[in-house]
N, C-alpha and C. Protein backbone atom coordinates (compact mmCIF):
# COMPACT_ATOMS: atom_id res chain seq x y z
N GLN A 1 12.78 9.89 12.81
CA GLN A 1 11.43 9.58 12.54
C GLN A 1 10.92 9.28 10.30
N VAL A 2 9.92 8.56 10.68
CA VAL A 2 10.27 8.71 8.80
C VAL A 2 8.52 8.69 8.52
N GLN A 3 8.58 10.18 6.93
CA GLN A 3 6.50 10.65 7.80
C GLN A 3 6.45 9.59 5.59
N LEU A 4 5.22 9.45 6.45
CA LEU A 4 4.34 9.03 4.97
C LEU A 4 3.43 9.60 4.39
N ALA A 5 3.71 10.23 3.07
CA ALA A 5 2.30 10.61 2.17
C ALA A 5 2.33 10.53 1.35
N GLU A 6 0.59 9.80 1.75
CA GLU A 6 0.33 8.68 0.50
C GLU A 6 -0.89 9.29 -0.87
N SER A 7 -1.49 8.97 -1.51
CA SER A 7 -2.37 10.15 -2.59
C SER A 7 -2.65 8.89 -3.58
N GLY A 8 -3.75 9.21 -4.36
CA GLY A 8 -4.16 8.34 -5.41
C GLY A 8 -5.99 7.35 -5.10
N GLY A 9 -6.13 8.10 -3.51
CA GLY A 9 -7.88 7.31 -3.64
C GLY A 9 -9.13 8.26 -4.07
N GLY A 10 -10.08 7.10 -3.44
CA GLY A 10 -10.79 7.86 -4.21
C GLY A 10 -12.26 6.60 -4.78
N LEU A 11 -13.52 7.12 -5.15
CA LEU A 11 -14.17 6.44 -5.68
C LEU A 11 -14.39 6.32 -7.26
N VAL A 12 -14.13 4.79 -7.17
CA VAL A 12 -14.06 3.72 -8.91
C VAL A 12 -15.17 3.07 -8.78
N GLN A 13 -15.62 2.33 -10.45
CA GLN A 13 -16.28 1.97 -10.11
C GLN A 13 -16.03 0.29 -10.12
N SER A 14 -16.84 -0.66 -9.83
CA SER A 14 -16.94 -2.58 -10.10
C SER A 14 -15.77 -2.89 -11.37
N GLY A 15 -15.10 -3.07 -11.18
CA GLY A 15 -14.19 -3.37 -12.38
C GLY A 15 -13.22 -2.72 -13.25
N GLY A 16 -13.30 -1.40 -12.79
CA GLY A 16 -12.69 0.00 -13.10
C GLY A 16 -10.75 0.10 -11.96
N SER A 17 -10.46 0.92 -11.68
CA SER A 17 -8.30 0.74 -11.06
C SER A 17 -8.52 2.43 -10.98
N LEU A 18 -7.37 2.03 -9.82
CA LEU A 18 -7.11 2.74 -9.29
C LEU A 18 -5.14 2.90 -8.83
N THR A 19 -4.58 3.95 -9.07
CA THR A 19 -3.50 3.73 -8.43
C THR A 19 -3.49 4.42 -6.93
N LEU A 20 -2.49 3.90 -6.15
CA LEU A 20 -1.82 5.20 -4.87
C LEU A 20 -0.55 4.66 -4.70
N SER A 21 -0.33 5.63 -4.36
CA SER A 21 1.68 6.15 -4.07
C SER A 21 1.51 6.66 -2.81
N CYS A 22 3.24 6.07 -2.31
CA CYS A 22 3.50 6.30 -1.15
C CYS A 22 5.17 7.26 -0.98
N ASP A 23 5.04 7.73 -0.49
CA ASP A 23 6.59 8.79 -0.60
C ASP A 23 6.98 7.99 0.65
N ALA A 24 8.12 7.46 0.93
CA ALA A 24 8.40 7.67 2.43
C ALA A 24 9.81 8.66 2.73
N SER A 25 9.85 9.78 3.77
CA SER A 25 10.82 10.53 3.18
C SER A 25 11.27 10.53 5.11
N GLY A 26 12.56 11.24 5.46
CA GLY A 26 12.83 11.13 6.95
C GLY A 26 14.06 10.39 6.54
N SER A 27 14.39 9.35 7.81
CA SER A 27 15.36 8.43 8.78
C SER A 27 15.22 7.33 7.91
N ILE A 28 15.26 6.73 6.90
CA ILE A 28 15.40 5.94 6.00
C ILE A 28 16.62 5.05 5.74
N SER A 29 15.72 3.58 6.38
CA SER A 29 17.00 2.64 6.79
C SER A 29 17.68 2.38 5.24
N SER A 30 19.01 1.94 5.44
CA SER A 30 19.28 1.34 3.69
C SER A 30 18.89 -0.33 4.01
N MET A 31 17.49 -0.89 4.31
CA MET A 31 17.49 -1.94 4.09
C MET A 31 16.01 -2.17 4.59
N ASN A 32 15.08 -1.73 3.89
CA ASN A 32 13.54 -1.56 4.31
C ASN A 32 12.72 -2.21 3.72
N PHE A 33 11.02 -1.86 3.46
CA PHE A 33 10.36 -2.92 3.38
C PHE A 33 9.32 -1.19 3.10
N MET A 34 8.42 -1.39 2.74
CA MET A 34 7.07 -0.59 1.43
C MET A 34 6.00 -1.23 1.52
N GLY A 35 4.30 -0.82 2.05
CA GLY A 35 3.50 -1.60 1.49
C GLY A 35 2.36 -0.70 1.91
N TRP A 36 1.62 -1.95 1.75
CA TRP A 36 0.41 -1.09 1.64
C TRP A 36 -0.59 -2.48 2.38
N TYR A 37 -1.63 -1.88 3.73
CA TYR A 37 -2.60 -2.50 4.15
C TYR A 37 -3.91 -2.01 3.99
N ARG A 38 -5.34 -2.45 5.00
CA ARG A 38 -6.29 -1.94 4.72
C ARG A 38 -7.34 -2.33 5.21
N GLN A 39 -7.90 -1.93 6.17
CA GLN A 39 -8.98 -1.60 6.99
C GLN A 39 -10.63 -1.15 6.05
N ALA A 40 -11.26 -1.98 6.43
CA ALA A 40 -13.07 -2.28 5.67
C ALA A 40 -13.23 -2.01 7.70
N PRO A 41 -14.71 -1.51 7.83
CA PRO A 41 -15.25 -1.01 8.80
C PRO A 41 -15.52 -2.17 9.23
N GLY A 42 -15.28 -2.20 11.46
CA GLY A 42 -15.83 -3.55 10.94
C GLY A 42 -15.15 -4.79 11.43
N LYS A 43 -13.58 -4.34 10.95
CA LYS A 43 -12.74 -5.43 10.18
C LYS A 43 -11.45 -5.44 10.76
N GLU A 44 -10.61 -6.34 10.54
CA GLU A 44 -9.14 -6.04 11.19
C GLU A 44 -8.15 -6.11 10.42
N ARG A 45 -6.71 -4.89 9.44
CA ARG A 45 -6.41 -4.43 10.29
C ARG A 45 -5.44 -5.69 9.00
N ASP A 46 -5.80 -5.77 7.10
CA ASP A 46 -5.20 -6.55 6.47
C ASP A 46 -4.16 -6.15 5.55
N LEU A 47 -2.71 -7.31 5.09
CA LEU A 47 -1.94 -6.67 4.39
C LEU A 47 -3.03 -6.78 2.94
N VAL A 48 -2.26 -5.74 2.21
CA VAL A 48 -2.93 -6.26 0.96
C VAL A 48 -1.06 -6.63 0.33
N ALA A 49 -0.15 -5.74 0.28
CA ALA A 49 1.02 -6.20 -0.36
C ALA A 49 2.34 -5.00 0.05
N THR A 50 3.99 -5.28 -0.11
CA THR A 50 4.64 -5.60 0.53
C THR A 50 5.96 -5.68 -0.58
N ILE A 51 7.02 -4.49 -0.54
CA ILE A 51 7.76 -4.99 -1.97
C ILE A 51 8.99 -4.39 -0.31
N THR A 52 10.10 -4.86 -0.48
CA THR A 52 11.58 -4.85 -0.07
C THR A 52 12.33 -3.93 -1.18
N ASP A 53 13.53 -2.86 -0.26
CA ASP A 53 14.63 -2.42 -1.43
C ASP A 53 15.17 -3.51 -2.33
N GLY A 54 14.93 -4.72 -2.37
CA GLY A 54 15.36 -5.91 -2.91
C GLY A 54 14.70 -6.06 -4.27
N ARG A 55 13.45 -5.62 -3.93
CA ARG A 55 12.15 -6.75 -5.27
C ARG A 55 11.14 -6.54 -4.90
N TRP A 56 11.90 -7.79 -3.45
CA TRP A 56 11.33 -8.69 -3.29
C TRP A 56 9.27 -8.48 -2.84
N THR A 57 8.42 -9.84 -3.16
CA THR A 57 7.15 -8.95 -3.23
C THR A 57 6.71 -9.81 -2.18
N ASN A 58 4.78 -9.31 -1.63
CA ASN A 58 4.23 -10.40 -1.19
C ASN A 58 3.07 -10.00 -1.11
N TYR A 59 2.15 -10.90 -1.43
CA TYR A 59 0.09 -9.90 -1.52
C TYR A 59 -0.37 -10.94 -0.77
N GLY A 60 -1.24 -10.12 -0.31
CA GLY A 60 -2.29 -11.07 0.61
C GLY A 60 -3.43 -11.81 -0.70
N ASP A 61 -3.59 -12.99 0.49
CA ASP A 61 -3.83 -13.78 -0.66
C ASP A 61 -5.28 -12.98 -1.67
N SER A 62 -6.20 -12.22 -1.81
CA SER A 62 -7.41 -11.94 -2.05
C SER A 62 -6.81 -10.79 -2.73
N VAL A 63 -5.91 -10.54 -3.50
CA VAL A 63 -5.63 -9.30 -4.90
C VAL A 63 -4.87 -9.84 -5.14
N LYS A 64 -4.14 -11.09 -4.68
CA LYS A 64 -3.08 -11.12 -6.00
C LYS A 64 -4.31 -12.05 -7.71
N GLY A 65 -2.97 -11.29 -8.35
CA GLY A 65 -3.47 -11.51 -9.80
C GLY A 65 -4.05 -10.56 -10.06
N ARG A 66 -4.67 -8.81 -9.16
CA ARG A 66 -5.03 -8.26 -9.58
C ARG A 66 -4.53 -6.98 -9.46
N PHE A 67 -4.17 -7.16 -7.78
CA PHE A 67 -3.00 -5.78 -7.66
C PHE A 67 -1.85 -6.52 -7.68
N THR A 68 -0.91 -4.73 -8.17
CA THR A 68 0.96 -4.59 -8.71
C THR A 68 1.06 -3.72 -7.19
N ILE A 69 2.45 -4.41 -7.20
CA ILE A 69 3.42 -3.11 -6.11
C ILE A 69 5.03 -2.89 -7.34
N SER A 70 4.93 -1.75 -6.54
CA SER A 70 6.05 -2.04 -7.08
C SER A 70 7.09 -0.55 -6.13
N ARG A 71 8.53 -0.49 -7.11
CA ARG A 71 8.96 0.72 -5.97
C ARG A 71 10.57 1.47 -7.23
N GLU A 72 10.33 3.16 -7.81
CA GLU A 72 11.46 3.42 -8.24
C GLU A 72 13.08 2.99 -7.30
N THR A 73 14.14 2.32 -8.29
CA THR A 73 14.81 2.01 -8.03
C THR A 73 16.11 3.44 -7.68
N GLY A 74 15.42 3.17 -6.25
CA GLY A 74 16.62 4.78 -5.62
C GLY A 74 16.51 5.14 -4.95
N MET A 75 14.61 5.05 -5.13
CA MET A 75 13.77 6.20 -4.47
C MET A 75 12.79 5.65 -3.43
N ASN A 76 12.36 6.46 -2.57
CA ASN A 76 11.56 5.91 -1.60
C ASN A 76 9.52 5.09 -2.25
N THR A 77 9.81 5.66 -3.26
CA THR A 77 8.30 6.41 -3.40
C THR A 77 7.90 4.59 -3.79
N VAL A 78 6.70 4.05 -3.33
CA VAL A 78 5.72 3.00 -3.26
C VAL A 78 4.41 3.28 -4.48
N TYR A 79 3.90 2.39 -5.16
CA TYR A 79 3.06 2.20 -6.20
C TYR A 79 1.94 0.75 -6.13
N LEU A 80 0.63 0.82 -6.20
CA LEU A 80 -0.62 -0.10 -5.57
C LEU A 80 -0.96 0.93 -6.91
N GLN A 81 -1.14 -0.58 -8.19
CA GLN A 81 -2.11 -1.00 -9.10
C GLN A 81 -2.98 -1.94 -9.30
N MET A 82 -4.10 -1.35 -8.33
CA MET A 82 -5.16 -1.52 -7.76
C MET A 82 -5.97 -2.28 -9.48
N ASN A 83 -6.68 -3.25 -10.22
CA ASN A 83 -6.61 -3.58 -11.24
C ASN A 83 -8.27 -4.25 -10.88
N SER A 84 -9.44 -4.31 -11.74
CA SER A 84 -10.31 -5.64 -11.02
C SER A 84 -11.28 -5.30 -10.42
N LEU A 85 -11.53 -3.78 -10.17
CA LEU A 85 -11.50 -3.63 -8.63
C LEU A 85 -13.21 -4.06 -7.98
N LYS A 86 -12.99 -4.62 -6.78
CA LYS A 86 -14.36 -5.01 -6.65
C LYS A 86 -15.04 -4.32 -5.29
N HIS A 87 -16.52 -4.61 -5.10
CA HIS A 87 -16.90 -2.95 -3.45
C HIS A 87 -16.54 -4.56 -2.71
N GLU A 88 -16.09 -5.89 -2.42
CA GLU A 88 -15.37 -5.57 -1.23
C GLU A 88 -13.80 -4.97 -0.56
N ASP A 89 -13.34 -4.60 -2.13
CA ASP A 89 -11.72 -3.88 -2.37
C ASP A 89 -11.92 -2.21 -0.80
N THR A 90 -13.02 -1.81 -0.44
CA THR A 90 -13.75 -0.59 -0.15
C THR A 90 -12.88 -1.00 1.11
N ALA A 91 -11.92 0.09 1.50
CA ALA A 91 -11.59 0.06 2.61
C ALA A 91 -10.60 1.56 3.04
N VAL A 92 -9.92 1.60 4.35
CA VAL A 92 -8.76 2.64 4.57
C VAL A 92 -7.88 1.47 4.18
N TYR A 93 -7.06 2.34 2.93
CA TYR A 93 -5.59 1.97 2.57
C TYR A 93 -4.27 2.58 3.46
N TYR A 94 -3.61 2.08 3.40
CA TYR A 94 -2.93 2.70 5.25
C TYR A 94 -1.01 2.46 4.18
N CYS A 95 -0.69 3.43 3.90
CA CYS A 95 0.61 2.54 3.21
C CYS A 95 1.65 2.62 5.11
N THR A 96 3.28 2.16 4.65
CA THR A 96 3.73 1.32 5.36
C THR A 96 4.52 1.53 5.49
N TYR A 97 5.60 1.51 6.52
CA TYR A 97 7.35 1.60 6.06
C TYR A 97 7.93 0.65 7.26
N GLY A 98 8.96 -0.24 6.72
CA GLY A 98 10.03 -0.84 8.04
C GLY A 98 11.04 -0.63 7.78
N SER A 99 12.10 -1.00 8.66
CA SER A 99 12.88 -1.55 8.16
C SER A 99 13.26 -2.87 8.31
N LEU A 100 14.36 -3.52 7.51
CA LEU A 100 14.56 -4.55 7.91
C LEU A 100 14.21 -5.64 9.28
N ASP A 101 15.31 -5.30 9.72
CA ASP A 101 15.70 -5.70 10.93
C ASP A 101 14.86 -4.90 12.27
N GLY A 102 13.65 -4.30 11.79
CA GLY A 102 12.45 -4.55 13.17
C GLY A 102 12.77 -3.18 14.22
N ARG A 103 13.53 -2.61 13.69
CA ARG A 103 14.08 -1.29 14.46
C ARG A 103 12.82 0.14 13.82
N GLN A 104 12.45 -0.10 13.07
CA GLN A 104 11.87 1.15 12.62
C GLN A 104 9.93 0.23 11.77
N ARG A 105 9.73 1.38 12.63
CA ARG A 105 7.60 0.95 11.83
C ARG A 105 6.89 1.88 11.78
N TYR A 106 6.50 2.67 10.70
CA TYR A 106 5.15 3.66 10.39
C TYR A 106 4.64 2.73 9.46
N TRP A 107 3.49 4.12 9.70
CA TRP A 107 1.84 3.98 8.58
C TRP A 107 1.47 5.40 8.59
N GLY A 108 1.13 5.52 7.23
CA GLY A 108 -0.08 7.30 7.14
C GLY A 108 -1.24 7.11 7.69
N GLN A 109 -1.81 7.80 7.36
CA GLN A 109 -3.12 8.03 7.99
C GLN A 109 -3.18 7.16 7.36
N GLY A 110 -3.61 7.01 5.73
CA GLY A 110 -4.54 6.28 5.75
C GLY A 110 -4.92 6.80 3.83
N THR A 111 -5.76 6.22 3.27
CA THR A 111 -6.90 6.83 1.53
C THR A 111 -7.80 6.01 2.12
N GLN A 112 -8.41 6.10 1.95
CA GLN A 112 -10.01 6.20 1.48
C GLN A 112 -10.51 5.34 0.25
N VAL A 113 -10.31 4.50 -0.28
CA VAL A 113 -10.85 3.94 -1.64
C VAL A 113 -12.00 2.69 -1.81
N THR A 114 -13.23 3.40 -2.21
CA THR A 114 -14.36 3.11 -2.65
C THR A 114 -14.17 2.51 -3.52
N VAL A 115 -15.11 1.07 -3.70
CA VAL A 115 -15.58 0.88 -5.54
C VAL A 115 -17.00 0.48 -4.88
N SER A 116 -17.82 0.46 -5.90
CA SER A 116 -19.09 1.30 -6.13
C SER A 116 -19.41 -0.41 -6.82
N SER A 117 -20.12 -0.94 -6.85
CA SER A 117 -20.70 -2.43 -7.14
C SER A 117 -21.77 -1.36 -7.81
């Protein structure tokens, strides 16, 4: 089992910034990825960004150039720096962890991000 602890959501004005963090603990695989997905009301859960333990990153098209994902060396903590936030970024953001061999996949409970227009 892997436990994910998310923090950093909240209310921010359009054009503002917010940082989310997620800490993974438990039976962590030596080769893994962590990241964030988001789901707005009435919509599907979409990729925001992921990062492997080798620092390879992948971003959703709508956040490229505005959001940055990072993780601490040797730590299972991932950060999402969100800049130039837009109203359409409003969603519940879910932290995710997975092993690269596909045997593990876990999701956090989600944290609400609301961007006022």
